[in-house]
Amino acid sequence: MTSRFLTDSMTAQYDVDPITGFVPRRPPLSRLPGLWEEWEQVFRRAVDSRLLPADTLSLSKADEKRSAEWRDSLQKMSLISVEGLVSPELLQRAHLVLTCLLAFFVQTTPTSDPISIPRTLSIPLLRVSKALDMPPILTYADTVLYNWYQPSTAGPDDIPAIPTLQERGLFTESKDEEAFYIGSGRIELRGGEALHLICNIIDDMALGDARAIENIANGLRTMALIINELRQYLLGIREGCDAEGYYHVVRPWYRGEDSDITKRKWFFEGLEDQADLEHPTELSGPSAGQSSVVHVLDAFLGIDTRSSKDDGKPSFMSRMRKYMPAKHRAFLDLLAAHPRPLREFVAQSDSQELRNAFNAAVQALKEFRDSHLIIVATYIIGPARRAEKRRAIVPPDPPRPLLGTGGSELMSFLKDLRAITANSLLINDQRAGTVE
């Protein structure tokens, strides 16, 4: 990466590629080998069976029977050891497969039944998650960073490129599902250049002379352009993903324990004789709030999304960090530990050009969050309200807040996040002593 802040020798330590950023340079494994093939087979059978969530309105007796037969096959799986899963690639694929099996099992369980996850799934899932230091549930990283593949025309040494990036549908194999992942994958991949800029800017901050300040201003202007491109990739999801199809067919599979429609707790069987395993406390579904690139942009630009609320509980974005890959969390810690934050550096500078460039980058991120609100309104709020009308449900007054798959109150959270970002702009008379 040719940076004093993040040397080439450190990129493996933080799983950051100098070109692709947080996206692995080589395609993730598409299938587990040998001993763990049984997991893949049960996963494939779930997809091929076209299972439906248990709360699907049009669920037929045949659908219920098919789901029950699949859950029975999962119960009868062998209890397979994870000891041979020694590489990150094997562990990442195992986490993706096992968490998809968890989603299929939980979401097809009748809504009147308790959620009791069989030990044939719970024990290997918890062990794989412990090895990765990630929660035992499907995450944004599973669906995006560890789920992409190259077109058949790509060579073995070709790095992923935005125009040809492909993502696999995990539950429905529908175009709607694939398009949603591809949009996020493009954001993460394009974010690689933003990471490169961040490292260069930090290097220049260490110098602090007039030439360095000019370089920082140029870098921030480029970063604003990149964030605007990320915004376009986010809005571009609308070109390939139907809102009704996504909301009703794809999104239900992402629900975590805190989004369960009947507020059931998930019980993981078999832990009584596994002294080194604990019942998980983090079981929220995949969320854009788990994006490594977005967290890095917030941290670098000094946008405080992690402060606790008045109730003393961790903020949603702070909690979502736990769902990121461990090495990416370590990179965020490295960034946070830097002795001179960018926002403080800019506030102390007399350069109006630097301040304008900084504000341009913050404004671009604020507009990215404007677009996120548009996507949420299109793919969640709108379909949810239309579904209420079709069911002749009278909405409560005031309306209940819609929850995201990560468990947040969607619109309220996103509007607060947008306001925090807008309030991070530096006004002309703001100096280091008054940086908020």
Protein backbone atom coordinates (compact mmCIF):
# COMPACT_ATOMS: atom_id res chain seq x y z
CA MET A 1 0.00 0.00 0.00
CA THR A 2 3.17 2.13 0.21
CA SER A 3 2.06 3.99 3.33
CA ARG A 4 3.83 4.70 6.58
CA PHE A 5 0.52 4.37 8.42
CA LEU A 6 -0.31 0.97 6.94
CA THR A 7 2.75 -0.74 5.52
CA ASP A 8 2.60 -3.59 3.04
CA SER A 9 3.58 -5.99 5.81
CA MET A 10 0.53 -4.91 7.84
CA THR A 11 -2.12 -5.47 5.17
CA ALA A 12 -2.48 -9.19 6.01
CA GLN A 13 -2.72 -8.32 9.70
CA TYR A 14 -5.83 -6.26 9.00
CA ASP A 15 -7.08 -8.17 5.94
CA VAL A 16 -6.93 -5.01 3.81
CA ASP A 17 -5.91 -5.26 0.15
CA PRO A 18 -4.18 -2.25 -1.44
CA ILE A 19 -6.53 -2.42 -4.43
CA THR A 20 -9.73 -4.16 -3.37
CA GLY A 21 -9.87 -2.86 0.19
CA PHE A 22 -11.91 -5.14 2.45
CA VAL A 23 -12.98 -7.37 -0.44
CA PRO A 24 -10.68 -10.41 -0.73
CA ARG A 25 -8.52 -10.27 -3.85
CA ARG A 26 -9.19 -13.95 -4.58
CA PRO A 27 -12.73 -15.36 -4.87
CA PRO A 28 -14.06 -16.94 -1.66
CA LEU A 29 -14.58 -20.69 -1.56
CA SER A 30 -17.79 -21.73 -3.28
CA ARG A 31 -18.04 -25.09 -1.53
CA LEU A 32 -16.59 -26.88 1.48
CA PRO A 33 -14.60 -30.04 0.75
CA GLY A 34 -14.69 -33.61 2.05
CA LEU A 35 -15.73 -33.96 5.65
CA TRP A 36 -18.01 -30.91 5.59
CA GLU A 37 -19.77 -31.79 2.33
CA GLU A 38 -22.83 -32.87 4.31
CA TRP A 39 -23.46 -29.25 5.37
CA GLU A 40 -23.33 -28.18 1.73
CA GLN A 41 -25.75 -30.92 0.72
CA VAL A 42 -28.33 -29.93 3.36
CA PHE A 43 -27.88 -26.28 2.34
CA ARG A 44 -28.39 -27.13 -1.34
CA ARG A 45 -31.49 -29.17 -0.48
CA ALA A 46 -33.00 -26.18 1.34
CA VAL A 47 -32.49 -23.92 -1.67
CA ASP A 48 -33.74 -26.51 -4.17
CA SER A 49 -36.82 -27.21 -2.03
CA ARG A 50 -37.89 -23.57 -2.35
CA LEU A 51 -38.65 -23.36 1.35
CA LEU A 52 -40.81 -20.49 2.55
CA PRO A 53 -40.79 -18.65 5.89
CA ALA A 54 -43.43 -19.95 8.29
CA ASP A 55 -45.29 -16.62 8.39
CA THR A 56 -45.77 -16.49 4.60
CA LEU A 57 -49.44 -15.64 3.98
CA SER A 58 -49.87 -18.08 1.09
CA LEU A 59 -48.14 -20.98 2.91
CA SER A 60 -49.79 -24.26 1.94
CA LYS A 61 -49.87 -27.61 3.71
CA ALA A 62 -47.43 -28.89 1.09
CA ASP A 63 -45.06 -26.01 1.92
CA GLU A 64 -45.30 -26.83 5.62
CA LYS A 65 -44.62 -30.52 4.95
CA ARG A 66 -41.60 -29.74 2.78
CA SER A 67 -40.15 -27.46 5.45
CA ALA A 68 -40.74 -30.01 8.21
CA GLU A 69 -39.00 -32.72 6.16
CA TRP A 70 -36.02 -30.44 5.59
CA ARG A 71 -35.76 -29.53 9.28
CA ASP A 72 -35.88 -33.24 10.10
CA SER A 73 -32.96 -33.85 7.73
CA LEU A 74 -30.99 -31.13 9.52
CA GLN A 75 -31.76 -32.75 12.87
CA LYS A 76 -30.34 -36.02 11.52
CA MET A 77 -27.10 -34.52 10.23
CA SER A 78 -23.86 -35.89 11.62
CA LEU A 79 -22.22 -33.88 14.37
CA ILE A 80 -19.14 -32.90 12.38
CA SER A 81 -15.90 -31.69 13.93
CA VAL A 82 -14.57 -28.29 12.88
CA GLU A 83 -10.96 -29.01 13.84
CA GLY A 84 -9.82 -29.29 10.23
CA LEU A 85 -11.17 -25.86 9.32
CA VAL A 86 -7.79 -24.22 9.75
CA SER A 87 -7.69 -21.55 7.04
CA PRO A 88 -9.65 -18.27 7.03
CA GLU A 89 -11.20 -19.26 3.70
CA LEU A 90 -12.53 -22.54 5.07
CA LEU A 91 -13.86 -20.87 8.21
CA GLN A 92 -15.53 -18.08 6.24
CA ARG A 93 -17.30 -20.57 3.95
CA ALA A 94 -18.32 -22.69 6.95
CA HIS A 95 -19.76 -19.62 8.69
CA LEU A 96 -21.76 -18.67 5.60
CA VAL A 97 -23.17 -22.18 5.11
CA LEU A 98 -23.96 -22.83 8.77
CA THR A 99 -25.62 -19.44 9.30
CA CYS A 100 -27.75 -19.97 6.19
CA LEU A 101 -28.80 -23.35 7.62
CA LEU A 102 -29.67 -21.51 10.85
CA ALA A 103 -31.80 -18.99 8.95
CA PHE A 104 -33.62 -21.72 7.04
CA PHE A 105 -34.27 -23.63 10.26
CA VAL A 106 -35.43 -20.66 12.33
CA GLN A 107 -37.58 -18.98 9.69
CA THR A 108 -39.38 -22.19 8.61
CA THR A 109 -40.19 -23.21 12.20
CA PRO A 110 -43.93 -22.64 12.80
CA THR A 111 -44.52 -19.35 14.58
CA SER A 112 -46.30 -21.11 17.47
CA ASP A 113 -43.29 -23.39 18.13
CA PRO A 114 -40.22 -22.54 20.20
CA ILE A 115 -36.89 -22.06 18.43
CA SER A 116 -34.61 -24.88 19.54
CA ILE A 117 -31.58 -25.27 17.28
CA PRO A 118 -30.35 -28.88 17.10
CA ARG A 119 -26.85 -29.66 18.35
CA THR A 120 -25.87 -30.96 14.90
CA LEU A 121 -26.00 -27.31 13.83
CA SER A 122 -25.54 -25.33 17.04
CA ILE A 123 -22.21 -26.81 18.15
CA PRO A 124 -20.27 -26.52 14.86
CA LEU A 125 -21.79 -23.07 14.24
CA LEU A 126 -20.73 -21.78 17.64
CA ARG A 127 -17.24 -23.26 17.25
CA VAL A 128 -16.72 -21.74 13.79
CA SER A 129 -18.04 -18.39 15.03
CA LYS A 130 -15.71 -18.53 18.03
CA ALA A 131 -12.72 -19.21 15.74
CA LEU A 132 -13.66 -16.19 13.60
CA ASP A 133 -14.64 -14.02 16.59
CA MET A 134 -17.99 -13.28 14.94
CA PRO A 135 -21.59 -13.81 16.08
CA PRO A 136 -23.23 -17.13 15.07
CA ILE A 137 -25.65 -15.54 12.62
CA LEU A 138 -25.59 -14.44 9.01
CA THR A 139 -23.75 -11.13 8.63
CA TYR A 140 -23.21 -8.49 5.96
CA ALA A 141 -19.70 -9.90 5.46
CA ASP A 142 -21.15 -13.35 4.72
CA THR A 143 -23.59 -12.07 2.11
CA VAL A 144 -21.19 -9.61 0.45
CA LEU A 145 -17.48 -10.03 1.19
CA TYR A 146 -17.42 -13.84 1.25
CA ASN A 147 -20.10 -14.56 -1.34
CA TRP A 148 -18.81 -13.05 -4.61
CA TYR A 149 -17.44 -14.79 -7.66
CA GLN A 150 -15.78 -13.99 -10.95
CA PRO A 151 -17.37 -14.46 -14.40
CA SER A 152 -16.32 -17.62 -16.24
CA THR A 153 -14.13 -15.55 -18.56
CA ALA A 154 -11.91 -14.32 -15.70
CA GLY A 155 -8.39 -15.65 -15.37
CA PRO A 156 -7.01 -17.16 -12.14
CA ASP A 157 -5.00 -14.01 -11.33
CA ASP A 158 -7.70 -11.47 -12.24
CA ILE A 159 -8.73 -9.25 -9.34
CA PRO A 160 -12.44 -8.45 -8.84
CA ALA A 161 -13.74 -5.54 -10.88
CA ILE A 162 -16.92 -3.56 -10.38
CA PRO A 163 -18.40 -4.12 -13.87
CA THR A 164 -18.05 -7.92 -13.61
CA LEU A 165 -18.58 -8.52 -9.88
CA GLN A 166 -21.14 -11.24 -9.21
CA GLU A 167 -22.79 -12.37 -5.98
CA ARG A 168 -24.65 -15.61 -5.27
CA GLY A 169 -28.25 -15.72 -4.14
CA LEU A 170 -28.18 -17.64 -0.87
CA PHE A 171 -31.86 -18.34 -0.13
CA THR A 172 -33.86 -17.75 -3.30
CA GLU A 173 -31.24 -17.54 -6.09
CA SER A 174 -33.44 -14.78 -7.47
CA LYS A 175 -32.22 -11.76 -9.41
CA ASP A 176 -33.64 -9.56 -6.65
CA GLU A 177 -31.45 -11.21 -4.03
CA GLU A 178 -28.34 -11.19 -6.22
CA ALA A 179 -28.81 -7.52 -7.19
CA PHE A 180 -29.03 -6.46 -3.55
CA TYR A 181 -25.73 -8.16 -2.73
CA ILE A 182 -24.05 -6.86 -5.90
CA GLY A 183 -24.90 -3.25 -4.99
CA SER A 184 -23.25 -3.70 -1.60
CA GLY A 185 -20.30 -5.54 -3.14
CA ARG A 186 -19.65 -2.65 -5.51
CA ILE A 187 -19.68 -0.22 -2.59
CA GLU A 188 -17.11 -2.28 -0.69
CA LEU A 189 -14.92 -2.78 -3.76
CA ARG A 190 -14.94 0.90 -4.74
CA GLY A 191 -14.19 1.71 -1.13
CA GLY A 192 -10.75 0.19 -1.63
CA GLU A 193 -9.50 3.45 -3.13
CA ALA A 194 -10.96 5.38 -0.19
CA LEU A 195 -8.88 3.22 2.17
CA HIS A 196 -5.79 3.95 0.08
CA LEU A 197 -6.53 7.69 0.29
CA ILE A 198 -7.03 7.51 4.04
CA CYS A 199 -3.59 5.98 4.53
CA ASN A 200 -1.96 8.62 2.29
CA ILE A 201 -3.76 11.47 4.09
CA ILE A 202 -2.61 10.17 7.48
CA ASP A 203 0.96 10.08 6.14
CA ASP A 204 0.64 13.71 5.01
CA MET A 205 -0.82 14.74 8.36
CA ALA A 206 2.39 13.55 9.98
CA LEU A 207 4.34 16.00 7.78
CA GLY A 208 1.94 18.93 8.17
CA ASP A 209 3.76 21.34 5.84
CA ALA A 210 2.13 23.43 3.10
CA ARG A 211 2.68 20.77 0.45
CA ALA A 212 1.21 18.12 2.73
CA ILE A 213 -1.88 20.25 3.43
CA GLU A 214 -2.39 20.70 -0.30
CA ASN A 215 -2.13 16.92 -0.76
CA ILE A 216 -4.65 16.33 2.04
CA ALA A 217 -7.11 18.77 0.47
CA ASN A 218 -6.73 17.04 -2.90
CA GLY A 219 -7.20 13.66 -1.26
CA LEU A 220 -10.36 14.78 0.51
CA ARG A 221 -11.81 16.16 -2.71
CA THR A 222 -11.13 12.82 -4.36
CA MET A 223 -12.72 11.06 -1.42
CA ALA A 224 -15.87 13.16 -1.84
CA LEU A 225 -16.03 11.99 -5.46
CA ILE A 226 -15.61 8.36 -4.40
CA ILE A 227 -18.35 8.64 -1.76
CA ASN A 228 -20.62 10.10 -4.46
CA GLU A 229 -19.87 7.01 -6.56
CA LEU A 230 -20.77 4.80 -3.58
CA ARG A 231 -24.08 6.67 -3.43
CA GLN A 232 -24.73 5.88 -7.09
CA TYR A 233 -24.00 2.18 -6.52
CA LEU A 234 -26.44 2.23 -3.61
CA LEU A 235 -29.18 3.82 -5.71
CA GLY A 236 -28.28 1.49 -8.57
CA ILE A 237 -29.79 -1.40 -6.63
CA ARG A 238 -33.16 -0.19 -7.94
CA GLU A 239 -32.20 -1.19 -11.48
CA GLY A 240 -32.06 -4.91 -10.75
CA CYS A 241 -34.01 -5.49 -7.57
CA ASP A 242 -37.81 -5.40 -7.35
CA ALA A 243 -38.99 -3.85 -4.08
CA GLU A 244 -41.94 -6.21 -3.50
CA GLY A 245 -39.88 -9.27 -4.38
CA TYR A 246 -37.09 -8.24 -2.04
CA TYR A 247 -39.33 -7.37 0.90
CA HIS A 248 -41.63 -10.39 0.77
CA VAL A 249 -39.37 -13.13 -0.61
CA VAL A 250 -35.76 -12.29 0.30
CA ARG A 251 -35.74 -10.09 3.42
CA PRO A 252 -37.61 -12.46 5.78
CA TRP A 253 -34.62 -14.82 5.75
CA TYR A 254 -32.43 -12.13 7.35
CA ARG A 255 -34.43 -11.70 10.54
CA GLY A 256 -32.48 -12.15 13.74
CA GLU A 257 -33.70 -12.96 17.21
CA ASP A 258 -34.49 -9.30 17.89
CA SER A 259 -36.63 -9.15 14.73
CA ASP A 260 -38.63 -12.33 15.43
CA ILE A 261 -42.29 -11.56 14.84
CA THR A 262 -43.38 -13.50 17.96
CA LYS A 263 -40.42 -12.34 20.13
CA ARG A 264 -39.17 -15.89 20.62
CA LYS A 265 -35.76 -16.54 22.10
CA TRP A 266 -33.42 -18.89 20.26
CA PHE A 267 -32.15 -21.87 22.24
CA PHE A 268 -28.93 -23.56 21.10
CA GLU A 269 -28.99 -27.23 22.07
CA GLY A 270 -25.99 -29.17 23.32
CA LEU A 271 -24.15 -26.45 25.22
CA GLU A 272 -24.52 -28.18 28.56
CA ASP A 273 -21.57 -30.50 27.76
CA GLN A 274 -19.48 -27.88 25.90
CA ALA A 275 -17.80 -25.96 28.71
CA ASP A 276 -15.92 -23.61 26.38
CA LEU A 277 -19.03 -22.49 24.49
CA GLU A 278 -21.51 -19.87 25.68
CA HIS A 279 -25.02 -19.03 24.63
CA PRO A 280 -24.74 -16.16 22.13
CA THR A 281 -25.93 -12.70 23.07
CA GLU A 282 -25.59 -11.10 19.61
CA LEU A 283 -28.20 -12.46 17.20
CA SER A 284 -29.18 -9.56 14.96
CA GLY A 285 -29.53 -10.13 11.23
CA PRO A 286 -27.28 -8.76 8.46
CA SER A 287 -27.41 -4.99 8.11
CA ALA A 288 -25.74 -2.27 6.06
CA GLY A 289 -24.67 -0.97 9.47
CA GLN A 290 -22.10 -3.78 9.45
CA SER A 291 -20.31 -2.42 6.36
CA SER A 292 -16.57 -2.17 7.03
CA VAL A 293 -16.12 0.66 4.52
CA VAL A 294 -18.88 2.83 5.99
CA HIS A 295 -17.50 2.40 9.51
CA VAL A 296 -14.04 3.43 8.31
CA LEU A 297 -15.37 6.55 6.58
CA ASP A 298 -17.21 7.58 9.75
CA ALA A 299 -14.17 6.99 11.93
CA PHE A 300 -11.78 8.81 9.62
CA LEU A 301 -14.00 11.86 9.11
CA GLY A 302 -14.68 12.11 12.83
CA ILE A 303 -18.39 11.32 12.66
CA ASP A 304 -19.34 10.03 16.08
CA THR A 305 -21.80 7.20 15.51
CA ARG A 306 -20.65 5.19 18.52
CA SER A 307 -21.64 7.32 21.51
CA SER A 308 -24.14 5.78 23.88
CA LYS A 309 -27.65 7.10 24.02
CA ASP A 310 -29.11 8.69 27.14
CA ASP A 311 -30.16 5.22 28.32
CA GLY A 312 -26.50 4.19 28.55
CA LYS A 313 -26.86 1.39 26.01
CA PRO A 314 -24.32 1.10 23.18
CA SER A 315 -25.36 2.82 19.96
CA PHE A 316 -26.63 0.67 17.12
CA MET A 317 -23.52 1.34 15.01
CA SER A 318 -21.28 0.50 17.95
CA ARG A 319 -23.08 -2.82 18.35
CA MET A 320 -22.92 -3.54 14.63
CA ARG A 321 -19.12 -3.43 14.78
CA LYS A 322 -19.28 -6.76 16.61
CA TYR A 323 -20.66 -8.31 13.42
CA MET A 324 -17.73 -7.20 11.27
CA PRO A 325 -14.74 -9.48 10.55
CA ALA A 326 -12.32 -9.34 13.48
CA LYS A 327 -9.40 -8.01 11.41
CA HIS A 328 -11.55 -5.19 10.07
CA ARG A 329 -12.49 -4.25 13.63
CA ALA A 330 -8.79 -4.21 14.44
CA PHE A 331 -8.20 -1.81 11.55
CA LEU A 332 -10.87 0.51 12.95
CA ASP A 333 -9.13 0.36 16.32
CA LEU A 334 -5.84 1.27 14.62
CA LEU A 335 -7.54 4.23 12.97
CA ALA A 336 -9.15 5.36 16.24
CA ALA A 337 -5.82 5.12 18.08
CA HIS A 338 -4.10 7.59 15.75
CA PRO A 339 -2.88 10.46 17.94
CA ARG A 340 -4.08 13.22 15.61
CA PRO A 341 -7.60 12.77 14.21
CA LEU A 342 -8.30 14.31 10.82
CA ARG A 343 -11.15 16.52 12.02
CA GLU A 344 -8.96 18.02 14.74
CA PHE A 345 -6.15 18.55 12.23
CA VAL A 346 -8.45 20.40 9.84
CA ALA A 347 -10.02 22.48 12.62
CA GLN A 348 -6.59 23.64 13.76
CA SER A 349 -5.48 24.58 10.25
CA ASP A 350 -5.81 28.08 8.83
CA SER A 351 -6.36 26.65 5.34
CA GLN A 352 -9.86 27.42 4.07
CA GLU A 353 -9.15 25.17 1.10
CA LEU A 354 -8.53 22.26 3.47
CA ARG A 355 -11.67 23.01 5.45
CA ASN A 356 -13.77 23.18 2.27
CA ALA A 357 -12.36 19.85 1.09
CA PHE A 358 -13.10 18.23 4.45
CA ASN A 359 -16.67 19.56 4.41
CA ALA A 360 -17.12 18.30 0.85
CA ALA A 361 -16.28 14.77 1.99
CA VAL A 362 -18.61 15.01 5.00
CA GLN A 363 -21.38 16.43 2.81
CA ALA A 364 -20.93 13.55 0.36
CA LEU A 365 -21.37 11.07 3.21
CA LYS A 366 -24.46 12.93 4.37
CA GLU A 367 -25.89 12.64 0.84
CA PHE A 368 -25.00 8.93 0.85
CA ARG A 369 -27.20 8.65 3.93
CA ASP A 370 -29.96 10.61 2.17
CA SER A 371 -29.89 7.91 -0.49
CA HIS A 372 -29.92 5.17 2.12
CA LEU A 373 -33.20 6.62 3.37
CA ILE A 374 -34.55 6.48 -0.18
CA ILE A 375 -33.59 2.80 -0.46
CA VAL A 376 -35.18 1.98 2.89
CA ALA A 377 -38.38 3.79 1.90
CA THR A 378 -38.44 1.94 -1.43
CA TYR A 379 -37.59 -1.57 -0.23
CA ILE A 380 -38.99 -1.70 3.31
CA ILE A 381 -41.35 1.12 4.31
CA GLY A 382 -43.38 1.16 1.08
CA PRO A 383 -43.87 -2.62 0.76
CA ALA A 384 -44.66 -2.93 4.49
CA ARG A 385 -47.40 -0.27 4.32
CA ARG A 386 -48.85 -1.75 1.14
CA ALA A 387 -48.92 -5.19 2.78
CA GLU A 388 -50.91 -3.75 5.70
CA LYS A 389 -53.48 -2.36 3.30
CA ARG A 390 -53.80 -5.67 1.43
CA ARG A 391 -54.37 -7.47 4.71
CA ALA A 392 -56.96 -4.83 5.70
CA ILE A 393 -54.92 -4.12 8.81
CA VAL A 394 -55.63 -0.80 10.47
CA PRO A 395 -52.20 0.57 11.40
CA PRO A 396 -51.82 1.59 15.04
CA ASP A 397 -51.89 5.28 15.90
CA PRO A 398 -49.13 6.27 16.12
CA PRO A 399 -47.70 3.68 13.68
CA ARG A 400 -45.31 1.07 15.09
CA PRO A 401 -41.73 1.74 13.99
CA LEU A 402 -40.46 -0.76 11.43
CA LEU A 403 -37.41 -2.70 12.54
CA GLY A 404 -34.37 -3.32 10.38
CA THR A 405 -32.89 -6.80 10.07
CA GLY A 406 -30.25 -5.61 12.54
CA GLY A 407 -32.96 -4.78 15.08
CA SER A 408 -32.90 -0.97 14.77
CA GLU A 409 -35.95 1.28 14.44
CA LEU A 410 -35.19 1.99 10.82
CA MET A 411 -36.27 5.48 9.91
CA SER A 412 -35.55 6.97 13.31
CA PHE A 413 -32.07 5.49 13.37
CA LEU A 414 -31.21 6.52 9.82
CA LYS A 415 -32.48 10.08 10.29
CA ASP A 416 -30.45 10.40 13.49
CA LEU A 417 -27.38 9.09 11.68
CA ARG A 418 -27.89 11.58 8.85
CA ALA A 419 -28.23 14.43 11.37
CA ILE A 420 -25.03 13.37 13.16
CA THR A 421 -23.23 13.41 9.81
CA ALA A 422 -24.57 16.84 8.84
CA ASN A 423 -23.60 18.23 12.23
CA SER A 424 -20.02 17.08 11.64
CA LEU A 425 -19.42 19.83 9.08
CA LEU A 426 -16.87 22.36 10.29
CA ILE A 427 -18.19 25.91 10.46
CA ASN A 428 -15.77 28.71 9.67
CA ASP A 429 -15.06 29.83 13.23
CA GLN A 430 -14.69 26.33 14.64
CA ARG A 431 -11.25 25.61 16.13
CA ALA A 432 -9.72 22.66 17.93
CA GLY A 433 -11.00 23.75 21.31
CA THR A 434 -14.61 23.70 20.06
CA VAL A 435 -14.63 20.59 17.89
CA GLU A 436 -17.83 18.82 18.84
